mmCIF file of all heavy atoms, coordinates in Angstrom:
data_MODEL
# 
_entry.id   MODEL 
# 
loop_
_atom_site.group_PDB 
_atom_site.id 
_atom_site.type_symbol 
_atom_site.label_atom_id 
_atom_site.label_alt_id 
_atom_site.label_comp_id 
_atom_site.label_asym_id 
_atom_site.label_entity_id 
_atom_site.label_seq_id 
_atom_site.pdbx_PDB_ins_code 
_atom_site.Cartn_x 
_atom_site.Cartn_y 
_atom_site.Cartn_z 
_atom_site.occupancy 
_atom_site.B_iso_or_equiv 
_atom_site.pdbx_formal_charge 
_atom_site.auth_seq_id 
_atom_site.auth_comp_id 
_atom_site.auth_asym_id 
_atom_site.auth_atom_id 
_atom_site.pdbx_PDB_model_num 
ATOM 1   N N   . PRO A 1 1  ? 98.784  -100.909 152.207 1.00 0.00 ? 1  PRO A N   1 
ATOM 2   C CA  . PRO A 1 1  ? 99.734  -100.046 151.498 1.00 0.00 ? 1  PRO A CA  1 
ATOM 3   C C   . PRO A 1 1  ? 100.280 -98.906  152.343 1.00 0.00 ? 1  PRO A C   1 
ATOM 4   O O   . PRO A 1 1  ? 101.323 -98.351  152.016 1.00 0.00 ? 1  PRO A O   1 
ATOM 5   C CB  . PRO A 1 1  ? 98.892  -99.509  150.332 1.00 0.00 ? 1  PRO A CB  1 
ATOM 6   C CG  . PRO A 1 1  ? 97.478  -99.602  150.800 1.00 0.00 ? 1  PRO A CG  1 
ATOM 7   C CD  . PRO A 1 1  ? 97.425  -100.833 151.648 1.00 0.00 ? 1  PRO A CD  1 
ATOM 8   N N   . HIS A 1 2  ? 99.618  -98.584  153.461 1.00 0.00 ? 2  HIS A N   1 
ATOM 9   C CA  . HIS A 1 2  ? 100.070 -97.451  154.288 1.00 0.00 ? 2  HIS A CA  1 
ATOM 10  C C   . HIS A 1 2  ? 100.865 -97.909  155.504 1.00 0.00 ? 2  HIS A C   1 
ATOM 11  O O   . HIS A 1 2  ? 101.240 -97.090  156.335 1.00 0.00 ? 2  HIS A O   1 
ATOM 12  C CB  . HIS A 1 2  ? 98.859  -96.625  154.761 1.00 0.00 ? 2  HIS A CB  1 
ATOM 13  C CG  . HIS A 1 2  ? 98.056  -96.059  153.623 1.00 0.00 ? 2  HIS A CG  1 
ATOM 14  N ND1 . HIS A 1 2  ? 98.498  -95.018  152.851 1.00 0.00 ? 2  HIS A ND1 1 
ATOM 15  C CD2 . HIS A 1 2  ? 96.860  -96.433  153.125 1.00 0.00 ? 2  HIS A CD2 1 
ATOM 16  C CE1 . HIS A 1 2  ? 97.582  -94.742  151.928 1.00 0.00 ? 2  HIS A CE1 1 
ATOM 17  N NE2 . HIS A 1 2  ? 96.596  -95.582  152.072 1.00 0.00 ? 2  HIS A NE2 1 
ATOM 18  N N   . GLU A 1 3  ? 101.141 -99.196  155.572 1.00 0.00 ? 3  GLU A N   1 
ATOM 19  C CA  . GLU A 1 3  ? 101.850 -99.710  156.742 1.00 0.00 ? 3  GLU A CA  1 
ATOM 20  C C   . GLU A 1 3  ? 103.327 -99.879  156.389 1.00 0.00 ? 3  GLU A C   1 
ATOM 21  O O   . GLU A 1 3  ? 103.671 -100.452 155.362 1.00 0.00 ? 3  GLU A O   1 
ATOM 22  C CB  . GLU A 1 3  ? 101.260 -101.053 157.162 1.00 0.00 ? 3  GLU A CB  1 
ATOM 23  C CG  . GLU A 1 3  ? 101.862 -101.605 158.450 1.00 0.00 ? 3  GLU A CG  1 
ATOM 24  C CD  . GLU A 1 3  ? 101.171 -102.876 158.871 1.00 0.00 ? 3  GLU A CD  1 
ATOM 25  O OE1 . GLU A 1 3  ? 100.250 -103.304 158.160 1.00 0.00 ? 3  GLU A OE1 1 
ATOM 26  O OE2 . GLU A 1 3  ? 101.570 -103.435 159.907 1.00 0.00 ? 3  GLU A OE2 1 
ATOM 27  N N   . ASP A 1 4  ? 104.229 -99.389  157.261 1.00 0.00 ? 4  ASP A N   1 
ATOM 28  C CA  . ASP A 1 4  ? 105.660 -99.519  156.977 1.00 0.00 ? 4  ASP A CA  1 
ATOM 29  C C   . ASP A 1 4  ? 106.181 -100.842 157.527 1.00 0.00 ? 4  ASP A C   1 
ATOM 30  O O   . ASP A 1 4  ? 105.442 -101.647 158.082 1.00 0.00 ? 4  ASP A O   1 
ATOM 31  C CB  . ASP A 1 4  ? 106.436 -98.330  157.549 1.00 0.00 ? 4  ASP A CB  1 
ATOM 32  C CG  . ASP A 1 4  ? 106.255 -98.208  159.064 1.00 0.00 ? 4  ASP A CG  1 
ATOM 33  O OD1 . ASP A 1 4  ? 106.010 -99.246  159.716 1.00 0.00 ? 4  ASP A OD1 1 
ATOM 34  O OD2 . ASP A 1 4  ? 106.365 -97.081  159.580 1.00 0.00 ? 4  ASP A OD2 1 
ATOM 35  N N   . ALA A 1 5  ? 107.494 -101.069 157.367 1.00 0.00 ? 5  ALA A N   1 
ATOM 36  C CA  . ALA A 1 5  ? 108.079 -102.346 157.751 1.00 0.00 ? 5  ALA A CA  1 
ATOM 37  C C   . ALA A 1 5  ? 107.991 -102.600 159.251 1.00 0.00 ? 5  ALA A C   1 
ATOM 38  O O   . ALA A 1 5  ? 108.021 -103.744 159.698 1.00 0.00 ? 5  ALA A O   1 
ATOM 39  C CB  . ALA A 1 5  ? 109.541 -102.401 157.306 1.00 0.00 ? 5  ALA A CB  1 
ATOM 40  N N   . SER A 1 6  ? 107.917 -101.560 160.054 1.00 0.00 ? 6  SER A N   1 
ATOM 41  C CA  . SER A 1 6  ? 107.841 -101.746 161.498 1.00 0.00 ? 6  SER A CA  1 
ATOM 42  C C   . SER A 1 6  ? 106.450 -102.151 161.958 1.00 0.00 ? 6  SER A C   1 
ATOM 43  O O   . SER A 1 6  ? 106.242 -102.524 163.103 1.00 0.00 ? 6  SER A O   1 
ATOM 44  C CB  . SER A 1 6  ? 108.253 -100.447 162.213 1.00 0.00 ? 6  SER A CB  1 
ATOM 45  O OG  . SER A 1 6  ? 107.294 -99.426  161.956 1.00 0.00 ? 6  SER A OG  1 
ATOM 46  N N   . GLY A 1 7  ? 105.479 -102.066 161.054 1.00 0.00 ? 7  GLY A N   1 
ATOM 47  C CA  . GLY A 1 7  ? 104.128 -102.428 161.428 1.00 0.00 ? 7  GLY A CA  1 
ATOM 48  C C   . GLY A 1 7  ? 103.275 -101.243 161.802 1.00 0.00 ? 7  GLY A C   1 
ATOM 49  O O   . GLY A 1 7  ? 102.102 -101.393 162.108 1.00 0.00 ? 7  GLY A O   1 
ATOM 50  N N   . SER A 1 8  ? 103.848 -100.012 161.800 1.00 0.00 ? 8  SER A N   1 
ATOM 51  C CA  . SER A 1 8  ? 103.072 -98.828  162.166 1.00 0.00 ? 8  SER A CA  1 
ATOM 52  C C   . SER A 1 8  ? 102.271 -98.353  160.969 1.00 0.00 ? 8  SER A C   1 
ATOM 53  O O   . SER A 1 8  ? 102.602 -98.632  159.831 1.00 0.00 ? 8  SER A O   1 
ATOM 54  C CB  . SER A 1 8  ? 104.001 -97.721  162.659 1.00 0.00 ? 8  SER A CB  1 
ATOM 55  O OG  . SER A 1 8  ? 104.890 -97.336  161.609 1.00 0.00 ? 8  SER A OG  1 
ATOM 56  N N   . ARG A 1 9  ? 101.208 -97.558  161.252 1.00 0.00 ? 9  ARG A N   1 
ATOM 57  C CA  . ARG A 1 9  ? 100.345 -97.056  160.197 1.00 0.00 ? 9  ARG A CA  1 
ATOM 58  C C   . ARG A 1 9  ? 100.178 -95.543  160.339 1.00 0.00 ? 9  ARG A C   1 
ATOM 59  O O   . ARG A 1 9  ? 100.287 -94.999  161.434 1.00 0.00 ? 9  ARG A O   1 
ATOM 60  C CB  . ARG A 1 9  ? 98.956  -97.697  160.292 1.00 0.00 ? 9  ARG A CB  1 
ATOM 61  C CG  . ARG A 1 9  ? 98.923  -99.133  159.833 1.00 0.00 ? 9  ARG A CG  1 
ATOM 62  C CD  . ARG A 1 9  ? 97.523  -99.697  160.020 1.00 0.00 ? 9  ARG A CD  1 
ATOM 63  N NE  . ARG A 1 9  ? 97.417  -100.992 159.364 1.00 0.00 ? 9  ARG A NE  1 
ATOM 64  C CZ  . ARG A 1 9  ? 97.030  -101.149 158.114 1.00 0.00 ? 9  ARG A CZ  1 
ATOM 65  N NH1 . ARG A 1 9  ? 96.717  -100.098 157.390 1.00 0.00 ? 9  ARG A NH1 1 
ATOM 66  N NH2 . ARG A 1 9  ? 96.967  -102.363 157.575 1.00 0.00 ? 9  ARG A NH2 1 
ATOM 67  N N   . SER A 1 10 ? 99.884  -94.929  159.223 1.00 0.00 ? 10 SER A N   1 
ATOM 68  C CA  . SER A 1 10 ? 99.543  -93.508  159.269 1.00 0.00 ? 10 SER A CA  1 
ATOM 69  C C   . SER A 1 10 ? 98.130  -93.368  159.792 1.00 0.00 ? 10 SER A C   1 
ATOM 70  O O   . SER A 1 10 ? 97.358  -94.326  159.792 1.00 0.00 ? 10 SER A O   1 
ATOM 71  C CB  . SER A 1 10 ? 99.637  -92.911  157.860 1.00 0.00 ? 10 SER A CB  1 
ATOM 72  O OG  . SER A 1 10 ? 98.649  -93.486  157.033 1.00 0.00 ? 10 SER A OG  1 
ATOM 73  N N   . ASP A 1 11 ? 97.785  -92.169  160.231 1.00 0.00 ? 11 ASP A N   1 
ATOM 74  C CA  . ASP A 1 11 ? 96.453  -91.951  160.787 1.00 0.00 ? 11 ASP A CA  1 
ATOM 75  C C   . ASP A 1 11 ? 95.361  -92.199  159.761 1.00 0.00 ? 11 ASP A C   1 
ATOM 76  O O   . ASP A 1 11 ? 94.224  -92.547  160.105 1.00 0.00 ? 11 ASP A O   1 
ATOM 77  C CB  . ASP A 1 11 ? 96.327  -90.518  161.327 1.00 0.00 ? 11 ASP A CB  1 
ATOM 78  C CG  . ASP A 1 11 ? 97.214  -90.316  162.542 1.00 0.00 ? 11 ASP A CG  1 
ATOM 79  O OD1 . ASP A 1 11 ? 97.579  -91.321  163.185 1.00 0.00 ? 11 ASP A OD1 1 
ATOM 80  O OD2 . ASP A 1 11 ? 97.544  -89.150  162.825 1.00 0.00 ? 11 ASP A OD2 1 
ATOM 81  N N   . SER A 1 12 ? 95.686  -92.016  158.474 1.00 0.00 ? 12 SER A N   1 
ATOM 82  C CA  . SER A 1 12 ? 94.660  -92.142  157.439 1.00 0.00 ? 12 SER A CA  1 
ATOM 83  C C   . SER A 1 12 ? 94.478  -93.591  157.000 1.00 0.00 ? 12 SER A C   1 
ATOM 84  O O   . SER A 1 12 ? 93.553  -93.905  156.258 1.00 0.00 ? 12 SER A O   1 
ATOM 85  C CB  . SER A 1 12 ? 95.031  -91.304  156.217 1.00 0.00 ? 12 SER A CB  1 
ATOM 86  O OG  . SER A 1 12 ? 96.271  -91.746  155.676 1.00 0.00 ? 12 SER A OG  1 
ATOM 87  N N   . ALA A 1 13 ? 95.370  -94.483  157.422 1.00 0.00 ? 13 ALA A N   1 
ATOM 88  C CA  . ALA A 1 13 ? 95.289  -95.871  156.972 1.00 0.00 ? 13 ALA A CA  1 
ATOM 89  C C   . ALA A 1 13 ? 94.217  -96.610  157.770 1.00 0.00 ? 13 ALA A C   1 
ATOM 90  O O   . ALA A 1 13 ? 94.019  -96.349  158.946 1.00 0.00 ? 13 ALA A O   1 
ATOM 91  C CB  . ALA A 1 13 ? 96.624  -96.571  157.169 1.00 0.00 ? 13 ALA A CB  1 
ATOM 92  N N   . PRO A 1 14 ? 93.517  -97.549  157.152 1.00 0.00 ? 14 PRO A N   1 
ATOM 93  C CA  . PRO A 1 14 ? 92.529  -98.344  157.887 1.00 0.00 ? 14 PRO A CA  1 
ATOM 94  C C   . PRO A 1 14 ? 93.216  -99.264  158.876 1.00 0.00 ? 14 PRO A C   1 
ATOM 95  O O   . PRO A 1 14 ? 94.386  -99.604  158.721 1.00 0.00 ? 14 PRO A O   1 
ATOM 96  C CB  . PRO A 1 14 ? 91.837  -99.145  156.776 1.00 0.00 ? 14 PRO A CB  1 
ATOM 97  C CG  . PRO A 1 14 ? 92.853  -99.233  155.682 1.00 0.00 ? 14 PRO A CG  1 
ATOM 98  C CD  . PRO A 1 14 ? 93.608  -97.938  155.753 1.00 0.00 ? 14 PRO A CD  1 
ATOM 99  N N   . GLU A 1 15 ? 92.504  -99.660  159.906 1.00 0.00 ? 15 GLU A N   1 
ATOM 100 C CA  . GLU A 1 15 ? 93.064  -100.577 160.878 1.00 0.00 ? 15 GLU A CA  1 
ATOM 101 C C   . GLU A 1 15 ? 93.384  -101.913 160.228 1.00 0.00 ? 15 GLU A C   1 
ATOM 102 O O   . GLU A 1 15 ? 92.662  -102.385 159.363 1.00 0.00 ? 15 GLU A O   1 
ATOM 103 C CB  . GLU A 1 15 ? 92.053  -100.801 162.021 1.00 0.00 ? 15 GLU A CB  1 
ATOM 104 C CG  . GLU A 1 15 ? 91.815  -99.570  162.868 1.00 0.00 ? 15 GLU A CG  1 
ATOM 105 C CD  . GLU A 1 15 ? 93.071  -99.180  163.623 1.00 0.00 ? 15 GLU A CD  1 
ATOM 106 O OE1 . GLU A 1 15 ? 93.819  -100.090 164.052 1.00 0.00 ? 15 GLU A OE1 1 
ATOM 107 O OE2 . GLU A 1 15 ? 93.300  -97.976  163.759 1.00 0.00 ? 15 GLU A OE2 1 
ATOM 108 N N   . LEU A 1 16 ? 94.454  -102.561 160.654 1.00 0.00 ? 16 LEU A N   1 
ATOM 109 C CA  . LEU A 1 16 ? 94.856  -103.841 160.096 1.00 0.00 ? 16 LEU A CA  1 
ATOM 110 C C   . LEU A 1 16 ? 93.788  -104.898 160.308 1.00 0.00 ? 16 LEU A C   1 
ATOM 111 O O   . LEU A 1 16 ? 93.511  -105.710 159.439 1.00 0.00 ? 16 LEU A O   1 
ATOM 112 C CB  . LEU A 1 16 ? 96.176  -104.300 160.726 1.00 0.00 ? 16 LEU A CB  1 
ATOM 113 C CG  . LEU A 1 16 ? 96.742  -105.640 160.210 1.00 0.00 ? 16 LEU A CG  1 
ATOM 114 C CD1 . LEU A 1 16 ? 97.007  -105.552 158.725 1.00 0.00 ? 16 LEU A CD1 1 
ATOM 115 C CD2 . LEU A 1 16 ? 97.991  -106.007 160.982 1.00 0.00 ? 16 LEU A CD2 1 
ATOM 116 N N   . SER A 1 17 ? 93.172  -104.877 161.489 1.00 0.00 ? 17 SER A N   1 
ATOM 117 C CA  . SER A 1 17 ? 92.147  -105.874 161.767 1.00 0.00 ? 17 SER A CA  1 
ATOM 118 C C   . SER A 1 17 ? 90.991  -105.747 160.789 1.00 0.00 ? 17 SER A C   1 
ATOM 119 O O   . SER A 1 17 ? 90.412  -106.739 160.368 1.00 0.00 ? 17 SER A O   1 
ATOM 120 C CB  . SER A 1 17 ? 91.638  -105.725 163.203 1.00 0.00 ? 17 SER A CB  1 
ATOM 121 O OG  . SER A 1 17 ? 91.075  -104.437 163.392 1.00 0.00 ? 17 SER A OG  1 
ATOM 122 N N   . SER A 1 18 ? 90.639  -104.548 160.397 1.00 0.00 ? 18 SER A N   1 
ATOM 123 C CA  . SER A 1 18 ? 89.577  -104.344 159.423 1.00 0.00 ? 18 SER A CA  1 
ATOM 124 C C   . SER A 1 18 ? 89.993  -104.883 158.064 1.00 0.00 ? 18 SER A C   1 
ATOM 125 O O   . SER A 1 18 ? 89.200  -105.517 157.364 1.00 0.00 ? 18 SER A O   1 
ATOM 126 C CB  . SER A 1 18 ? 89.238  -102.860 159.321 1.00 0.00 ? 18 SER A CB  1 
ATOM 127 O OG  . SER A 1 18 ? 88.299  -102.633 158.290 1.00 0.00 ? 18 SER A OG  1 
ATOM 128 N N   . PHE A 1 19 ? 91.246  -104.638 157.683 1.00 0.00 ? 19 PHE A N   1 
ATOM 129 C CA  . PHE A 1 19 ? 91.753  -105.139 156.404 1.00 0.00 ? 19 PHE A CA  1 
ATOM 130 C C   . PHE A 1 19 ? 91.729  -106.661 156.392 1.00 0.00 ? 19 PHE A C   1 
ATOM 131 O O   . PHE A 1 19 ? 91.296  -107.297 155.435 1.00 0.00 ? 19 PHE A O   1 
ATOM 132 C CB  . PHE A 1 19 ? 93.168  -104.630 156.173 1.00 0.00 ? 19 PHE A CB  1 
ATOM 133 C CG  . PHE A 1 19 ? 93.807  -105.165 154.921 1.00 0.00 ? 19 PHE A CG  1 
ATOM 134 C CD1 . PHE A 1 19 ? 93.491  -104.631 153.683 1.00 0.00 ? 19 PHE A CD1 1 
ATOM 135 C CD2 . PHE A 1 19 ? 94.729  -106.205 154.992 1.00 0.00 ? 19 PHE A CD2 1 
ATOM 136 C CE1 . PHE A 1 19 ? 94.071  -105.120 152.534 1.00 0.00 ? 19 PHE A CE1 1 
ATOM 137 C CE2 . PHE A 1 19 ? 95.317  -106.702 153.838 1.00 0.00 ? 19 PHE A CE2 1 
ATOM 138 C CZ  . PHE A 1 19 ? 94.988  -106.155 152.609 1.00 0.00 ? 19 PHE A CZ  1 
ATOM 139 N N   . GLU A 1 20 ? 92.199  -107.263 157.471 1.00 0.00 ? 20 GLU A N   1 
ATOM 140 C CA  . GLU A 1 20 ? 92.201  -108.725 157.570 1.00 0.00 ? 20 GLU A CA  1 
ATOM 141 C C   . GLU A 1 20 ? 90.783  -109.273 157.527 1.00 0.00 ? 20 GLU A C   1 
ATOM 142 O O   . GLU A 1 20 ? 90.518  -110.290 156.884 1.00 0.00 ? 20 GLU A O   1 
ATOM 143 C CB  . GLU A 1 20 ? 92.888  -109.165 158.870 1.00 0.00 ? 20 GLU A CB  1 
ATOM 144 C CG  . GLU A 1 20 ? 94.386  -108.914 158.880 1.00 0.00 ? 20 GLU A CG  1 
ATOM 145 C CD  . GLU A 1 20 ? 94.979  -109.201 160.239 1.00 0.00 ? 20 GLU A CD  1 
ATOM 146 O OE1 . GLU A 1 20 ? 94.209  -109.358 161.206 1.00 0.00 ? 20 GLU A OE1 1 
ATOM 147 O OE2 . GLU A 1 20 ? 96.201  -109.259 160.321 1.00 0.00 ? 20 GLU A OE2 1 
ATOM 148 N N   . SER A 1 21 ? 89.888  -108.588 158.214 1.00 0.00 ? 21 SER A N   1 
ATOM 149 C CA  . SER A 1 21 ? 88.508  -109.059 158.246 1.00 0.00 ? 21 SER A CA  1 
ATOM 150 C C   . SER A 1 21 ? 87.895  -109.055 156.854 1.00 0.00 ? 21 SER A C   1 
ATOM 151 O O   . SER A 1 21 ? 87.227  -110.005 156.454 1.00 0.00 ? 21 SER A O   1 
ATOM 152 C CB  . SER A 1 21 ? 87.687  -108.171 159.191 1.00 0.00 ? 21 SER A CB  1 
ATOM 153 O OG  . SER A 1 21 ? 86.334  -108.566 159.200 1.00 0.00 ? 21 SER A OG  1 
ATOM 154 N N   . GLU A 1 22 ? 88.114  -107.986 156.099 1.00 0.00 ? 22 GLU A N   1 
ATOM 155 C CA  . GLU A 1 22 ? 87.562  -107.904 154.754 1.00 0.00 ? 22 GLU A CA  1 
ATOM 156 C C   . GLU A 1 22 ? 88.198  -108.950 153.849 1.00 0.00 ? 22 GLU A C   1 
ATOM 157 O O   . GLU A 1 22 ? 87.525  -109.563 153.017 1.00 0.00 ? 22 GLU A O   1 
ATOM 158 C CB  . GLU A 1 22 ? 87.787  -106.509 154.175 1.00 0.00 ? 22 GLU A CB  1 
ATOM 159 C CG  . GLU A 1 22 ? 86.951  -105.420 154.825 1.00 0.00 ? 22 GLU A CG  1 
ATOM 160 C CD  . GLU A 1 22 ? 85.469  -105.716 154.724 1.00 0.00 ? 22 GLU A CD  1 
ATOM 161 O OE1 . GLU A 1 22 ? 85.013  -106.131 153.626 1.00 0.00 ? 22 GLU A OE1 1 
ATOM 162 O OE2 . GLU A 1 22 ? 84.761  -105.567 155.724 1.00 0.00 ? 22 GLU A OE2 1 
ATOM 163 N N   . THR A 1 23 ? 89.522  -109.159 153.998 1.00 0.00 ? 23 THR A N   1 
ATOM 164 C CA  . THR A 1 23 ? 90.195  -110.168 153.191 1.00 0.00 ? 23 THR A CA  1 
ATOM 165 C C   . THR A 1 23 ? 89.670  -111.558 153.508 1.00 0.00 ? 23 THR A C   1 
ATOM 166 O O   . THR A 1 23 ? 89.366  -112.348 152.614 1.00 0.00 ? 23 THR A O   1 
ATOM 167 C CB  . THR A 1 23 ? 91.709  -110.133 153.450 1.00 0.00 ? 23 THR A CB  1 
ATOM 168 O OG1 . THR A 1 23 ? 92.214  -108.832 153.121 1.00 0.00 ? 23 THR A OG1 1 
ATOM 169 C CG2 . THR A 1 23 ? 92.439  -111.167 152.608 1.00 0.00 ? 23 THR A CG2 1 
ATOM 170 N N   . SER A 1 24 ? 89.514  -111.871 154.782 1.00 0.00 ? 24 SER A N   1 
ATOM 171 C CA  . SER A 1 24 ? 89.006  -113.167 155.182 1.00 0.00 ? 24 SER A CA  1 
ATOM 172 C C   . SER A 1 24 ? 87.574  -113.359 154.685 1.00 0.00 ? 24 SER A C   1 
ATOM 173 O O   . SER A 1 24 ? 87.207  -114.438 154.211 1.00 0.00 ? 24 SER A O   1 
ATOM 174 C CB  . SER A 1 24 ? 89.038  -113.308 156.705 1.00 0.00 ? 24 SER A CB  1 
ATOM 175 O OG  . SER A 1 24 ? 90.360  -113.238 157.175 1.00 0.00 ? 24 SER A OG  1 
ATOM 176 N N   . ARG A 1 25 ? 86.776  -112.315 154.781 1.00 0.00 ? 25 ARG A N   1 
ATOM 177 C CA  . ARG A 1 25 ? 85.385  -112.392 154.337 1.00 0.00 ? 25 ARG A CA  1 
ATOM 178 C C   . ARG A 1 25 ? 85.313  -112.700 152.846 1.00 0.00 ? 25 ARG A C   1 
ATOM 179 O O   . ARG A 1 25 ? 84.534  -113.528 152.395 1.00 0.00 ? 25 ARG A O   1 
ATOM 180 C CB  . ARG A 1 25 ? 84.657  -111.087 154.646 1.00 0.00 ? 25 ARG A CB  1 
ATOM 181 C CG  . ARG A 1 25 ? 83.184  -111.079 154.237 1.00 0.00 ? 25 ARG A CG  1 
ATOM 182 C CD  . ARG A 1 25 ? 82.504  -109.778 154.623 1.00 0.00 ? 25 ARG A CD  1 
ATOM 183 N NE  . ARG A 1 25 ? 82.455  -109.640 156.059 1.00 0.00 ? 25 ARG A NE  1 
ATOM 184 C CZ  . ARG A 1 25 ? 83.060  -108.680 156.730 1.00 0.00 ? 25 ARG A CZ  1 
ATOM 185 N NH1 . ARG A 1 25 ? 83.793  -107.790 156.100 1.00 0.00 ? 25 ARG A NH1 1 
ATOM 186 N NH2 . ARG A 1 25 ? 82.959  -108.612 158.033 1.00 0.00 ? 25 ARG A NH2 1 
ATOM 187 N N   . PHE A 1 26 ? 86.150  -112.026 152.072 1.00 0.00 ? 26 PHE A N   1 
ATOM 188 C CA  . PHE A 1 26 ? 86.163  -112.246 150.629 1.00 0.00 ? 26 PHE A CA  1 
ATOM 189 C C   . PHE A 1 26 ? 86.604  -113.669 150.303 1.00 0.00 ? 26 PHE A C   1 
ATOM 190 O O   . PHE A 1 26 ? 85.994  -114.345 149.462 1.00 0.00 ? 26 PHE A O   1 
ATOM 191 C CB  . PHE A 1 26 ? 87.109  -111.249 149.959 1.00 0.00 ? 26 PHE A CB  1 
ATOM 192 C CG  . PHE A 1 26 ? 87.339  -111.530 148.498 1.00 0.00 ? 26 PHE A CG  1 
ATOM 193 C CD1 . PHE A 1 26 ? 86.389  -111.173 147.550 1.00 0.00 ? 26 PHE A CD1 1 
ATOM 194 C CD2 . PHE A 1 26 ? 88.483  -112.167 148.077 1.00 0.00 ? 26 PHE A CD2 1 
ATOM 195 C CE1 . PHE A 1 26 ? 86.585  -111.452 146.210 1.00 0.00 ? 26 PHE A CE1 1 
ATOM 196 C CE2 . PHE A 1 26 ? 88.704  -112.452 146.740 1.00 0.00 ? 26 PHE A CE2 1 
ATOM 197 C CZ  . PHE A 1 26 ? 87.744  -112.078 145.810 1.00 0.00 ? 26 PHE A CZ  1 
ATOM 198 N N   . VAL A 1 27 ? 87.655  -114.137 150.967 1.00 0.00 ? 27 VAL A N   1 
ATOM 199 C CA  . VAL A 1 27 ? 88.172  -115.478 150.703 1.00 0.00 ? 27 VAL A CA  1 
ATOM 200 C C   . VAL A 1 27 ? 87.124  -116.535 151.035 1.00 0.00 ? 27 VAL A C   1 
ATOM 201 O O   . VAL A 1 27 ? 86.883  -117.470 150.272 1.00 0.00 ? 27 VAL A O   1 
ATOM 202 C CB  . VAL A 1 27 ? 89.469  -115.730 151.502 1.00 0.00 ? 27 VAL A CB  1 
ATOM 203 C CG1 . VAL A 1 27 ? 89.876  -117.201 151.393 1.00 0.00 ? 27 VAL A CG1 1 
ATOM 204 C CG2 . VAL A 1 27 ? 90.578  -114.832 150.996 1.00 0.00 ? 27 VAL A CG2 1 
ATOM 205 N N   . VAL A 1 28 ? 86.477  -116.396 152.182 1.00 0.00 ? 28 VAL A N   1 
ATOM 206 C CA  . VAL A 1 28 ? 85.477  -117.368 152.605 1.00 0.00 ? 28 VAL A CA  1 
ATOM 207 C C   . VAL A 1 28 ? 84.288  -117.357 151.653 1.00 0.00 ? 28 VAL A C   1 
ATOM 208 O O   . VAL A 1 28 ? 83.793  -118.401 151.231 1.00 0.00 ? 28 VAL A O   1 
ATOM 209 C CB  . VAL A 1 28 ? 85.022  -117.093 154.047 1.00 0.00 ? 28 VAL A CB  1 
ATOM 210 C CG1 . VAL A 1 28 ? 83.826  -117.962 154.411 1.00 0.00 ? 28 VAL A CG1 1 
ATOM 211 C CG2 . VAL A 1 28 ? 86.159  -117.352 155.011 1.00 0.00 ? 28 VAL A CG2 1 
ATOM 212 N N   . GLN A 1 29 ? 83.816  -116.169 151.294 1.00 0.00 ? 29 GLN A N   1 
ATOM 213 C CA  . GLN A 1 29 ? 82.681  -116.072 150.374 1.00 0.00 ? 29 GLN A CA  1 
ATOM 214 C C   . GLN A 1 29 ? 83.025  -116.741 149.040 1.00 0.00 ? 29 GLN A C   1 
ATOM 215 O O   . GLN A 1 29 ? 82.213  -117.490 148.483 1.00 0.00 ? 29 GLN A O   1 
ATOM 216 C CB  . GLN A 1 29 ? 82.334  -114.605 150.127 1.00 0.00 ? 29 GLN A CB  1 
ATOM 217 C CG  . GLN A 1 29 ? 81.205  -114.412 149.125 1.00 0.00 ? 29 GLN A CG  1 
ATOM 218 C CD  . GLN A 1 29 ? 80.881  -112.943 148.911 1.00 0.00 ? 29 GLN A CD  1 
ATOM 219 O OE1 . GLN A 1 29 ? 81.014  -112.138 149.827 1.00 0.00 ? 29 GLN A OE1 1 
ATOM 220 N NE2 . GLN A 1 29 ? 80.453  -112.607 147.713 1.00 0.00 ? 29 GLN A NE2 1 
ATOM 221 N N   . LYS A 1 30 ? 84.210  -116.500 148.536 1.00 0.00 ? 30 LYS A N   1 
ATOM 222 C CA  . LYS A 1 30 ? 84.636  -117.081 147.273 1.00 0.00 ? 30 LYS A CA  1 
ATOM 223 C C   . LYS A 1 30 ? 84.688  -118.608 147.359 1.00 0.00 ? 30 LYS A C   1 
ATOM 224 O O   . LYS A 1 30 ? 84.227  -119.317 146.453 1.00 0.00 ? 30 LYS A O   1 
ATOM 225 C CB  . LYS A 1 30 ? 86.001  -116.531 146.873 1.00 0.00 ? 30 LYS A CB  1 
ATOM 226 C CG  . LYS A 1 30 ? 86.528  -116.990 145.516 1.00 0.00 ? 30 LYS A CG  1 
ATOM 227 C CD  . LYS A 1 30 ? 87.806  -116.241 145.174 1.00 0.00 ? 30 LYS A CD  1 
ATOM 228 C CE  . LYS A 1 30 ? 88.318  -116.634 143.805 1.00 0.00 ? 30 LYS A CE  1 
ATOM 229 N NZ  . LYS A 1 30 ? 88.803  -118.019 143.769 1.00 0.00 ? 30 LYS A NZ  1 
# 
């Protein structure tokens, strides 16, 4: 939610790789 169209993030936003990792982990577990 904190990433704009250019792909940049605010300092307070979590890293994209962390978000992807959590999403992948949830999908695989399910």
